[in-house]
N, C-alpha and C. Protein backbone atom coordinates (compact mmCIF):
# COMPACT_ATOMS: atom_id res chain seq x y z
N MET A 1 0.85 -1.17 0.00
CA MET A 1 0.00 0.00 0.00
C MET A 1 0.90 1.24 0.00
N ASP A 2 0.48 2.26 -0.70
CA ASP A 2 1.34 3.44 -0.85
C ASP A 2 1.35 4.30 0.42
N GLN A 3 2.26 5.28 0.43
CA GLN A 3 2.44 6.12 1.62
C GLN A 3 1.21 6.99 1.89
N VAL A 4 0.53 7.42 0.85
CA VAL A 4 -0.69 8.22 1.04
C VAL A 4 -1.69 7.41 1.86
N SER A 5 -1.87 6.15 1.50
CA SER A 5 -2.79 5.28 2.24
C SER A 5 -2.31 5.07 3.67
N ARG A 6 -1.03 4.82 3.84
CA ARG A 6 -0.48 4.60 5.18
C ARG A 6 -0.67 5.84 6.07
N ASP A 7 -0.49 7.02 5.49
CA ASP A 7 -0.70 8.26 6.26
C ASP A 7 -2.15 8.38 6.70
N ARG A 8 -3.07 8.04 5.82
CA ARG A 8 -4.49 8.13 6.17
C ARG A 8 -4.86 7.07 7.21
N LEU A 9 -4.26 5.89 7.10
CA LEU A 9 -4.53 4.83 8.07
C LEU A 9 -3.97 5.15 9.44
N ALA A 10 -2.95 5.99 9.51
CA ALA A 10 -2.38 6.38 10.81
C ALA A 10 -3.37 7.20 11.63
N GLU A 11 -4.44 7.70 11.00
CA GLU A 11 -5.42 8.54 11.68
C GLU A 11 -6.70 7.80 12.07
N VAL A 12 -6.77 6.49 11.77
CA VAL A 12 -7.96 5.72 12.12
C VAL A 12 -7.61 4.69 13.20
N HIS A 13 -8.64 4.06 13.75
CA HIS A 13 -8.44 3.07 14.80
C HIS A 13 -7.43 2.02 14.34
N PRO A 14 -6.50 1.66 15.21
CA PRO A 14 -5.45 0.70 14.82
C PRO A 14 -5.97 -0.64 14.30
N ARG A 15 -7.07 -1.14 14.83
CA ARG A 15 -7.61 -2.42 14.33
C ARG A 15 -8.10 -2.28 12.89
N LEU A 16 -8.76 -1.16 12.61
CA LEU A 16 -9.22 -0.90 11.25
C LEU A 16 -8.01 -0.76 10.33
N ALA A 17 -7.03 0.00 10.76
CA ALA A 17 -5.82 0.19 9.94
C ALA A 17 -5.15 -1.14 9.63
N THR A 18 -5.03 -2.00 10.62
CA THR A 18 -4.40 -3.30 10.42
C THR A 18 -5.16 -4.14 9.41
N LYS A 19 -6.49 -4.13 9.52
CA LYS A 19 -7.31 -4.91 8.58
C LYS A 19 -7.17 -4.37 7.15
N VAL A 20 -7.18 -3.06 7.00
CA VAL A 20 -7.07 -2.47 5.66
C VAL A 20 -5.68 -2.72 5.07
N LEU A 21 -4.65 -2.63 5.89
CA LEU A 21 -3.31 -2.97 5.40
C LEU A 21 -3.25 -4.42 4.92
N LEU A 22 -3.88 -5.31 5.66
CA LEU A 22 -3.90 -6.72 5.26
C LEU A 22 -4.68 -6.91 3.96
N ILE A 23 -5.79 -6.21 3.81
CA ILE A 23 -6.53 -6.26 2.54
C ILE A 23 -5.61 -5.83 1.41
N GLY A 24 -4.91 -4.71 1.62
CA GLY A 24 -3.98 -4.22 0.60
C GLY A 24 -2.91 -5.24 0.26
N ASP A 25 -2.36 -5.88 1.28
CA ASP A 25 -1.31 -6.90 1.06
C ASP A 25 -1.85 -8.09 0.27
N ILE A 26 -3.03 -8.57 0.65
CA ILE A 26 -3.64 -9.71 -0.05
C ILE A 26 -3.88 -9.36 -1.52
N LEU A 27 -4.47 -8.20 -1.75
CA LEU A 27 -4.76 -7.80 -3.13
C LEU A 27 -3.48 -7.56 -3.93
N GLU A 28 -2.48 -6.95 -3.30
CA GLU A 28 -1.22 -6.73 -4.00
C GLU A 28 -0.58 -8.05 -4.40
N HIS A 29 -0.65 -9.03 -3.52
CA HIS A 29 -0.12 -10.36 -3.82
C HIS A 29 -0.85 -10.99 -5.01
N GLU A 30 -2.11 -10.59 -5.21
CA GLU A 30 -2.93 -11.09 -6.32
C GLU A 30 -2.82 -10.18 -7.55
N GLY A 31 -1.92 -9.18 -7.50
CA GLY A 31 -1.71 -8.30 -8.64
C GLY A 31 -2.65 -7.11 -8.71
N MET A 32 -3.26 -6.74 -7.58
CA MET A 32 -4.21 -5.63 -7.53
C MET A 32 -3.74 -4.62 -6.49
N ALA A 33 -4.05 -3.37 -6.75
CA ALA A 33 -3.66 -2.30 -5.81
C ALA A 33 -4.89 -1.51 -5.40
N ILE A 34 -4.87 -1.05 -4.14
CA ILE A 34 -5.92 -0.15 -3.66
C ILE A 34 -5.27 1.03 -2.96
N ARG A 35 -6.03 2.09 -2.81
CA ARG A 35 -5.57 3.26 -2.06
C ARG A 35 -6.69 3.69 -1.11
N VAL A 36 -6.30 4.09 0.08
CA VAL A 36 -7.24 4.69 1.01
C VAL A 36 -7.38 6.14 0.59
N VAL A 37 -8.58 6.51 0.13
CA VAL A 37 -8.81 7.87 -0.35
C VAL A 37 -9.44 8.76 0.71
N GLN A 38 -10.01 8.15 1.74
CA GLN A 38 -10.59 8.89 2.87
C GLN A 38 -10.42 8.06 4.13
N GLY A 39 -10.17 8.74 5.21
CA GLY A 39 -10.10 8.10 6.52
C GLY A 39 -10.87 8.94 7.51
N LEU A 40 -10.17 9.42 8.52
CA LEU A 40 -10.79 10.28 9.53
C LEU A 40 -11.24 11.59 8.89
N ARG A 41 -12.48 11.98 9.22
CA ARG A 41 -13.03 13.26 8.75
C ARG A 41 -13.53 14.05 9.94
N THR A 42 -13.34 15.35 9.88
CA THR A 42 -13.92 16.22 10.90
C THR A 42 -15.42 16.34 10.63
N ILE A 43 -16.14 16.86 11.62
CA ILE A 43 -17.57 17.11 11.45
C ILE A 43 -17.78 18.11 10.31
N ALA A 44 -16.94 19.13 10.25
CA ALA A 44 -17.06 20.15 9.18
C ALA A 44 -16.83 19.53 7.81
N GLN A 45 -15.84 18.65 7.68
CA GLN A 45 -15.59 17.98 6.40
C GLN A 45 -16.79 17.12 6.02
N GLN A 46 -17.36 16.43 7.01
CA GLN A 46 -18.53 15.58 6.74
C GLN A 46 -19.71 16.43 6.30
N ASP A 47 -19.92 17.56 6.97
CA ASP A 47 -21.02 18.45 6.59
C ASP A 47 -20.84 18.98 5.17
N ALA A 48 -19.60 19.27 4.77
CA ALA A 48 -19.33 19.75 3.41
C ALA A 48 -19.66 18.66 2.39
N LEU A 49 -19.32 17.42 2.68
CA LEU A 49 -19.66 16.32 1.78
C LEU A 49 -21.17 16.13 1.72
N TYR A 50 -21.84 16.24 2.86
CA TYR A 50 -23.29 16.07 2.93
C TYR A 50 -24.00 17.17 2.11
N ALA A 51 -23.43 18.34 2.07
CA ALA A 51 -24.03 19.45 1.32
C ALA A 51 -24.00 19.22 -0.20
N MET A 52 -23.04 18.42 -0.67
CA MET A 52 -22.93 18.17 -2.12
C MET A 52 -24.22 17.55 -2.65
N GLY A 53 -24.73 18.14 -3.72
CA GLY A 53 -25.96 17.65 -4.33
C GLY A 53 -27.20 18.12 -3.59
N ARG A 54 -27.00 18.86 -2.51
CA ARG A 54 -28.12 19.40 -1.76
C ARG A 54 -28.06 20.92 -1.82
N THR A 55 -27.15 21.50 -1.06
CA THR A 55 -27.00 22.96 -1.05
C THR A 55 -25.70 23.40 -1.72
N ALA A 56 -24.89 22.46 -2.16
CA ALA A 56 -23.63 22.75 -2.85
C ALA A 56 -23.61 21.99 -4.18
N PRO A 57 -22.84 22.48 -5.15
CA PRO A 57 -22.78 21.78 -6.44
C PRO A 57 -22.23 20.37 -6.31
N GLY A 58 -22.61 19.52 -7.25
CA GLY A 58 -22.11 18.15 -7.30
C GLY A 58 -23.23 17.15 -7.07
N LYS A 59 -22.84 15.87 -7.13
CA LYS A 59 -23.83 14.84 -6.87
C LYS A 59 -23.72 14.40 -5.42
N LYS A 60 -24.77 13.81 -4.91
CA LYS A 60 -24.77 13.33 -3.53
C LYS A 60 -23.75 12.21 -3.40
N VAL A 61 -22.89 12.35 -2.37
CA VAL A 61 -21.88 11.33 -2.12
C VAL A 61 -22.05 10.67 -0.76
N THR A 62 -22.95 11.20 0.06
CA THR A 62 -23.20 10.61 1.38
C THR A 62 -24.60 10.98 1.85
N ASN A 63 -25.16 10.13 2.66
CA ASN A 63 -26.43 10.42 3.32
C ASN A 63 -26.21 10.81 4.77
N CYS A 64 -24.97 10.99 5.17
CA CYS A 64 -24.64 11.25 6.57
C CYS A 64 -24.11 12.67 6.79
N PRO A 65 -24.85 13.48 7.54
CA PRO A 65 -24.29 14.78 7.94
C PRO A 65 -23.23 14.55 9.03
N GLY A 66 -22.57 15.61 9.42
CA GLY A 66 -21.53 15.52 10.45
C GLY A 66 -22.04 14.85 11.71
N GLY A 67 -21.22 13.94 12.24
CA GLY A 67 -21.55 13.21 13.45
C GLY A 67 -22.32 11.93 13.20
N LYS A 68 -22.80 11.73 11.98
CA LYS A 68 -23.58 10.54 11.65
C LYS A 68 -22.79 9.52 10.83
N SER A 69 -21.50 9.79 10.63
CA SER A 69 -20.64 8.89 9.87
C SER A 69 -19.55 8.34 10.77
N TYR A 70 -19.23 7.07 10.60
CA TYR A 70 -18.14 6.48 11.36
C TYR A 70 -16.78 7.06 10.96
N HIS A 71 -16.71 7.75 9.82
CA HIS A 71 -15.49 8.47 9.46
C HIS A 71 -15.14 9.50 10.54
N ASN A 72 -16.16 10.11 11.14
CA ASN A 72 -15.95 11.16 12.14
C ASN A 72 -15.32 10.64 13.42
N PHE A 73 -15.26 9.32 13.56
CA PHE A 73 -14.73 8.70 14.77
C PHE A 73 -13.52 7.81 14.48
N GLY A 74 -12.99 7.92 13.25
CA GLY A 74 -11.82 7.12 12.88
C GLY A 74 -12.11 5.64 12.78
N LEU A 75 -13.37 5.30 12.48
CA LEU A 75 -13.76 3.90 12.40
C LEU A 75 -14.19 3.50 10.99
N ALA A 76 -13.90 4.34 10.00
CA ALA A 76 -14.25 4.03 8.61
C ALA A 76 -13.21 4.59 7.66
N VAL A 77 -13.07 3.90 6.54
CA VAL A 77 -12.19 4.36 5.46
C VAL A 77 -12.91 4.15 4.14
N ASP A 78 -12.49 4.88 3.13
CA ASP A 78 -12.92 4.65 1.75
C ASP A 78 -11.70 4.21 0.97
N CYS A 79 -11.83 3.10 0.25
CA CYS A 79 -10.73 2.55 -0.54
C CYS A 79 -11.15 2.44 -2.00
N VAL A 80 -10.20 2.65 -2.89
CA VAL A 80 -10.47 2.59 -4.32
C VAL A 80 -9.37 1.79 -5.00
N PRO A 81 -9.75 0.86 -5.90
CA PRO A 81 -8.73 0.15 -6.66
C PRO A 81 -7.96 1.10 -7.57
N SER A 82 -6.72 0.74 -7.82
CA SER A 82 -5.86 1.56 -8.66
C SER A 82 -5.10 0.67 -9.63
N SER A 83 -4.66 1.27 -10.69
CA SER A 83 -3.82 0.57 -11.65
C SER A 83 -2.50 0.18 -10.99
N MET A 84 -1.94 -0.94 -11.39
CA MET A 84 -0.62 -1.36 -10.88
C MET A 84 0.50 -0.82 -11.78
N ASP A 85 0.16 0.06 -12.71
CA ASP A 85 1.14 0.63 -13.64
C ASP A 85 2.12 1.50 -12.87
N PRO A 86 3.42 1.14 -12.87
CA PRO A 86 4.41 1.90 -12.11
C PRO A 86 4.61 3.33 -12.63
N THR A 87 4.17 3.62 -13.86
CA THR A 87 4.31 4.98 -14.38
C THR A 87 3.17 5.87 -13.88
N GLN A 88 2.14 5.26 -13.29
CA GLN A 88 1.02 6.00 -12.72
C GLN A 88 0.85 5.57 -11.27
N PRO A 89 1.42 6.33 -10.34
CA PRO A 89 1.36 5.90 -8.95
C PRO A 89 -0.05 5.71 -8.42
N PHE A 90 -1.00 6.47 -8.92
CA PHE A 90 -2.38 6.25 -8.51
C PHE A 90 -3.30 6.57 -9.67
N ALA A 91 -3.95 5.56 -10.18
CA ALA A 91 -4.92 5.71 -11.26
C ALA A 91 -6.21 5.02 -10.82
N PRO A 92 -7.11 5.76 -10.15
CA PRO A 92 -8.30 5.12 -9.59
C PRO A 92 -9.22 4.54 -10.64
N ASP A 93 -9.87 3.45 -10.27
CA ASP A 93 -10.87 2.81 -11.11
C ASP A 93 -12.19 2.92 -10.35
N TRP A 94 -13.06 3.81 -10.77
CA TRP A 94 -14.31 4.07 -10.05
C TRP A 94 -15.46 3.19 -10.53
N ASN A 95 -15.20 2.23 -11.40
CA ASN A 95 -16.24 1.36 -11.92
C ASN A 95 -16.49 0.21 -10.94
N PRO A 96 -17.59 0.24 -10.18
CA PRO A 96 -17.83 -0.80 -9.18
C PRO A 96 -18.08 -2.19 -9.77
N ASP A 97 -18.24 -2.28 -11.10
CA ASP A 97 -18.40 -3.58 -11.74
C ASP A 97 -17.06 -4.24 -12.06
N HIS A 98 -15.97 -3.50 -11.86
CA HIS A 98 -14.65 -4.06 -12.12
C HIS A 98 -14.36 -5.17 -11.12
N PRO A 99 -13.71 -6.26 -11.55
CA PRO A 99 -13.45 -7.39 -10.65
C PRO A 99 -12.64 -7.03 -9.39
N VAL A 100 -11.81 -6.01 -9.45
CA VAL A 100 -11.02 -5.64 -8.26
C VAL A 100 -11.95 -5.16 -7.14
N TRP A 101 -13.01 -4.42 -7.50
CA TRP A 101 -13.97 -3.98 -6.49
C TRP A 101 -14.59 -5.18 -5.79
N LYS A 102 -15.03 -6.14 -6.59
CA LYS A 102 -15.67 -7.33 -6.01
C LYS A 102 -14.71 -8.07 -5.09
N ARG A 103 -13.47 -8.20 -5.50
CA ARG A 103 -12.48 -8.92 -4.68
C ARG A 103 -12.17 -8.13 -3.41
N MET A 104 -12.04 -6.82 -3.52
CA MET A 104 -11.75 -5.98 -2.35
C MET A 104 -12.88 -6.14 -1.32
N ILE A 105 -14.11 -6.12 -1.76
CA ILE A 105 -15.26 -6.27 -0.87
C ILE A 105 -15.27 -7.66 -0.23
N GLU A 106 -14.99 -8.67 -1.03
CA GLU A 106 -14.96 -10.04 -0.53
C GLU A 106 -13.91 -10.20 0.59
N VAL A 107 -12.72 -9.66 0.36
CA VAL A 107 -11.65 -9.77 1.36
C VAL A 107 -12.02 -8.97 2.60
N ALA A 108 -12.57 -7.78 2.43
CA ALA A 108 -12.96 -6.95 3.58
C ALA A 108 -14.02 -7.65 4.42
N GLN A 109 -14.99 -8.26 3.78
CA GLN A 109 -16.04 -8.96 4.52
C GLN A 109 -15.47 -10.16 5.27
N SER A 110 -14.46 -10.81 4.70
CA SER A 110 -13.85 -11.96 5.38
C SER A 110 -13.13 -11.51 6.66
N MET A 111 -12.86 -10.22 6.77
CA MET A 111 -12.20 -9.66 7.96
C MET A 111 -13.18 -8.95 8.87
N ALA A 112 -14.46 -9.23 8.69
CA ALA A 112 -15.53 -8.69 9.53
C ALA A 112 -15.65 -7.17 9.44
N LEU A 113 -15.34 -6.62 8.27
CA LEU A 113 -15.59 -5.20 8.04
C LEU A 113 -16.96 -5.04 7.41
N ASN A 114 -17.67 -4.02 7.82
CA ASN A 114 -18.96 -3.69 7.22
C ASN A 114 -18.67 -2.93 5.94
N CYS A 115 -19.26 -3.36 4.84
CA CYS A 115 -18.97 -2.77 3.53
C CYS A 115 -20.18 -1.99 3.02
N GLY A 116 -19.96 -0.74 2.66
CA GLY A 116 -21.02 0.10 2.13
C GLY A 116 -21.64 -0.44 0.85
N ALA A 117 -20.92 -1.29 0.15
CA ALA A 117 -21.44 -1.87 -1.09
C ALA A 117 -22.63 -2.78 -0.83
N THR A 118 -22.78 -3.24 0.40
CA THR A 118 -23.89 -4.15 0.72
C THR A 118 -25.10 -3.42 1.28
N TRP A 119 -25.01 -2.11 1.45
CA TRP A 119 -26.13 -1.36 2.01
C TRP A 119 -27.29 -1.33 1.04
N ARG A 120 -28.50 -1.35 1.57
CA ARG A 120 -29.70 -1.41 0.74
C ARG A 120 -30.04 -0.10 0.07
N THR A 121 -30.00 1.01 0.80
CA THR A 121 -30.55 2.25 0.27
C THR A 121 -29.53 3.17 -0.38
N PHE A 122 -28.30 3.12 0.03
CA PHE A 122 -27.28 4.00 -0.54
C PHE A 122 -25.99 3.20 -0.67
N LYS A 123 -25.79 2.61 -1.83
CA LYS A 123 -24.59 1.79 -2.06
C LYS A 123 -23.37 2.70 -2.04
N ASP A 124 -22.46 2.43 -1.12
CA ASP A 124 -21.24 3.22 -0.97
C ASP A 124 -20.05 2.27 -1.14
N PHE A 125 -19.74 1.96 -2.40
CA PHE A 125 -18.76 0.92 -2.71
C PHE A 125 -17.39 1.12 -2.05
N PRO A 126 -16.86 2.33 -1.96
CA PRO A 126 -15.52 2.47 -1.36
C PRO A 126 -15.49 2.34 0.16
N HIS A 127 -16.64 2.35 0.83
CA HIS A 127 -16.71 2.48 2.29
C HIS A 127 -16.56 1.15 3.03
N PHE A 128 -15.66 1.16 4.02
CA PHE A 128 -15.46 0.01 4.91
C PHE A 128 -15.37 0.54 6.33
N GLN A 129 -16.07 -0.12 7.25
CA GLN A 129 -16.02 0.36 8.63
C GLN A 129 -15.88 -0.81 9.60
N PHE A 130 -15.24 -0.48 10.72
CA PHE A 130 -15.07 -1.40 11.84
C PHE A 130 -15.61 -0.69 13.06
N THR A 131 -16.78 -1.12 13.52
CA THR A 131 -17.46 -0.38 14.58
C THR A 131 -17.40 -1.05 15.94
N GLY A 132 -16.80 -2.22 16.01
CA GLY A 132 -16.69 -2.89 17.30
C GLY A 132 -18.04 -3.07 17.94
N PRO A 133 -18.24 -2.58 19.18
CA PRO A 133 -19.49 -2.81 19.90
C PRO A 133 -20.63 -1.88 19.47
N PHE A 134 -20.34 -0.95 18.57
CA PHE A 134 -21.36 0.01 18.15
C PHE A 134 -22.13 -0.54 16.95
N PRO A 135 -23.36 -0.06 16.73
CA PRO A 135 -24.16 -0.60 15.63
C PRO A 135 -23.55 -0.30 14.27
N GLU A 136 -23.82 -1.18 13.31
CA GLU A 136 -23.26 -0.99 11.97
C GLU A 136 -23.90 0.17 11.23
N GLY A 137 -25.10 0.55 11.58
CA GLY A 137 -25.77 1.67 10.92
C GLY A 137 -25.03 2.96 11.17
N GLU A 138 -25.69 3.91 11.77
CA GLU A 138 -25.01 5.18 12.06
C GLU A 138 -24.62 5.22 13.54
N PRO A 139 -23.65 6.05 13.87
CA PRO A 139 -23.23 6.17 15.28
C PRO A 139 -24.43 6.51 16.18
N ASN A 140 -24.48 5.85 17.33
CA ASN A 140 -25.62 6.02 18.22
C ASN A 140 -25.33 7.05 19.33
N ASP A 141 -26.32 7.30 20.17
CA ASP A 141 -26.19 8.28 21.25
C ASP A 141 -25.07 7.90 22.22
N GLU A 142 -24.92 6.62 22.47
CA GLU A 142 -23.88 6.14 23.38
C GLU A 142 -22.49 6.52 22.86
N LEU A 143 -22.27 6.33 21.56
CA LEU A 143 -20.99 6.70 20.96
C LEU A 143 -20.78 8.20 21.03
N HIS A 144 -21.83 8.97 20.73
CA HIS A 144 -21.72 10.43 20.78
C HIS A 144 -21.39 10.92 22.18
N ALA A 145 -22.04 10.34 23.19
CA ALA A 145 -21.77 10.73 24.57
C ALA A 145 -20.33 10.42 24.95
N LEU A 146 -19.87 9.26 24.54
CA LEU A 146 -18.49 8.87 24.82
C LEU A 146 -17.50 9.82 24.14
N PHE A 147 -17.80 10.16 22.89
CA PHE A 147 -16.94 11.09 22.15
C PHE A 147 -16.94 12.47 22.81
N ASN A 148 -18.11 12.94 23.20
CA ASN A 148 -18.19 14.25 23.84
C ASN A 148 -17.46 14.27 25.18
N GLN A 149 -17.43 13.15 25.85
CA GLN A 149 -16.77 13.03 27.15
C GLN A 149 -15.25 12.93 27.01
N GLY A 150 -14.78 12.13 26.05
CA GLY A 150 -13.33 11.87 25.99
C GLY A 150 -12.70 11.89 24.62
N GLY A 151 -13.44 12.33 23.60
CA GLY A 151 -12.88 12.42 22.26
C GLY A 151 -12.58 11.07 21.63
N LEU A 152 -11.76 11.09 20.59
CA LEU A 152 -11.40 9.85 19.89
C LEU A 152 -10.78 8.81 20.82
N PRO A 153 -9.89 9.21 21.76
CA PRO A 153 -9.31 8.18 22.63
C PRO A 153 -10.37 7.37 23.38
N ALA A 154 -11.43 8.01 23.84
CA ALA A 154 -12.48 7.30 24.57
C ALA A 154 -13.23 6.35 23.64
N VAL A 155 -13.54 6.80 22.43
CA VAL A 155 -14.24 5.95 21.46
C VAL A 155 -13.37 4.76 21.11
N TRP A 156 -12.11 5.01 20.80
CA TRP A 156 -11.22 3.93 20.40
C TRP A 156 -11.00 2.94 21.54
N ASP A 157 -10.94 3.44 22.76
CA ASP A 157 -10.79 2.55 23.91
C ASP A 157 -12.02 1.66 24.03
N ALA A 158 -13.21 2.22 23.83
CA ALA A 158 -14.44 1.44 23.89
C ALA A 158 -14.45 0.36 22.81
N VAL A 159 -14.00 0.70 21.62
CA VAL A 159 -13.94 -0.27 20.53
C VAL A 159 -12.94 -1.37 20.87
N SER A 160 -11.79 -0.98 21.39
CA SER A 160 -10.75 -1.95 21.73
C SER A 160 -11.18 -2.87 22.87
N ARG A 161 -11.92 -2.33 23.84
CA ARG A 161 -12.32 -3.11 25.01
C ARG A 161 -13.65 -3.83 24.83
N GLY A 162 -14.35 -3.54 23.75
CA GLY A 162 -15.60 -4.23 23.47
C GLY A 162 -16.85 -3.58 24.00
N GLY A 163 -16.79 -2.31 24.37
CA GLY A 163 -18.01 -1.65 24.79
C GLY A 163 -17.76 -0.50 25.73
N VAL A 164 -18.76 0.35 25.89
CA VAL A 164 -18.64 1.54 26.72
C VAL A 164 -18.42 1.16 28.19
N GLN A 165 -19.20 0.19 28.69
CA GLN A 165 -19.07 -0.20 30.09
C GLN A 165 -17.64 -0.68 30.38
N ASN A 166 -17.10 -1.49 29.49
CA ASN A 166 -15.74 -2.00 29.67
C ASN A 166 -14.71 -0.88 29.61
N ALA A 167 -14.94 0.10 28.72
CA ALA A 167 -14.00 1.22 28.59
C ALA A 167 -14.04 2.08 29.85
N VAL A 168 -15.25 2.34 30.37
CA VAL A 168 -15.39 3.16 31.57
C VAL A 168 -14.81 2.42 32.77
N ALA A 169 -15.06 1.12 32.85
CA ALA A 169 -14.53 0.33 33.97
C ALA A 169 -13.01 0.32 33.98
N GLY A 170 -12.40 0.40 32.79
CA GLY A 170 -10.95 0.38 32.72
C GLY A 170 -10.30 1.72 32.94
N SER A 171 -11.11 2.78 33.10
CA SER A 171 -10.55 4.13 33.28
C SER A 171 -9.93 4.31 34.64
């Protein structure tokens, strides 16, 4: 996986980063490359994406306003297949029908990552999330309270320990 991806993975939960690096290694061994194009997002960045196709130019790229995406908590990444051509360090392939997309999703699911490509109402092919004890849908009130109390470290501790009660008990 390239340095751009590694830099983005350094900002997400370590378990998620490890799984995505492994996906990259498996695919690279099979002659395929991916790049992490999004990782941790601020609430403001999420709100700007949410505005696209609504109050800002462009097409809709998310149904989640700020605080409603696992990206805001370092628990989600977006990955895109790329050409393995050494003359083009990153040449994204946005066609979700391409076999690399299918393989990337298959490998991610084998690692217990929730894949946006399987969502019913808004297919988000690049999206992969690791939510631990939190629901796979959108972040819940419990996660928000934990974040408001202790920021990313508190959320990540809860994910690592398997739940809010376990994280609070370990404090």
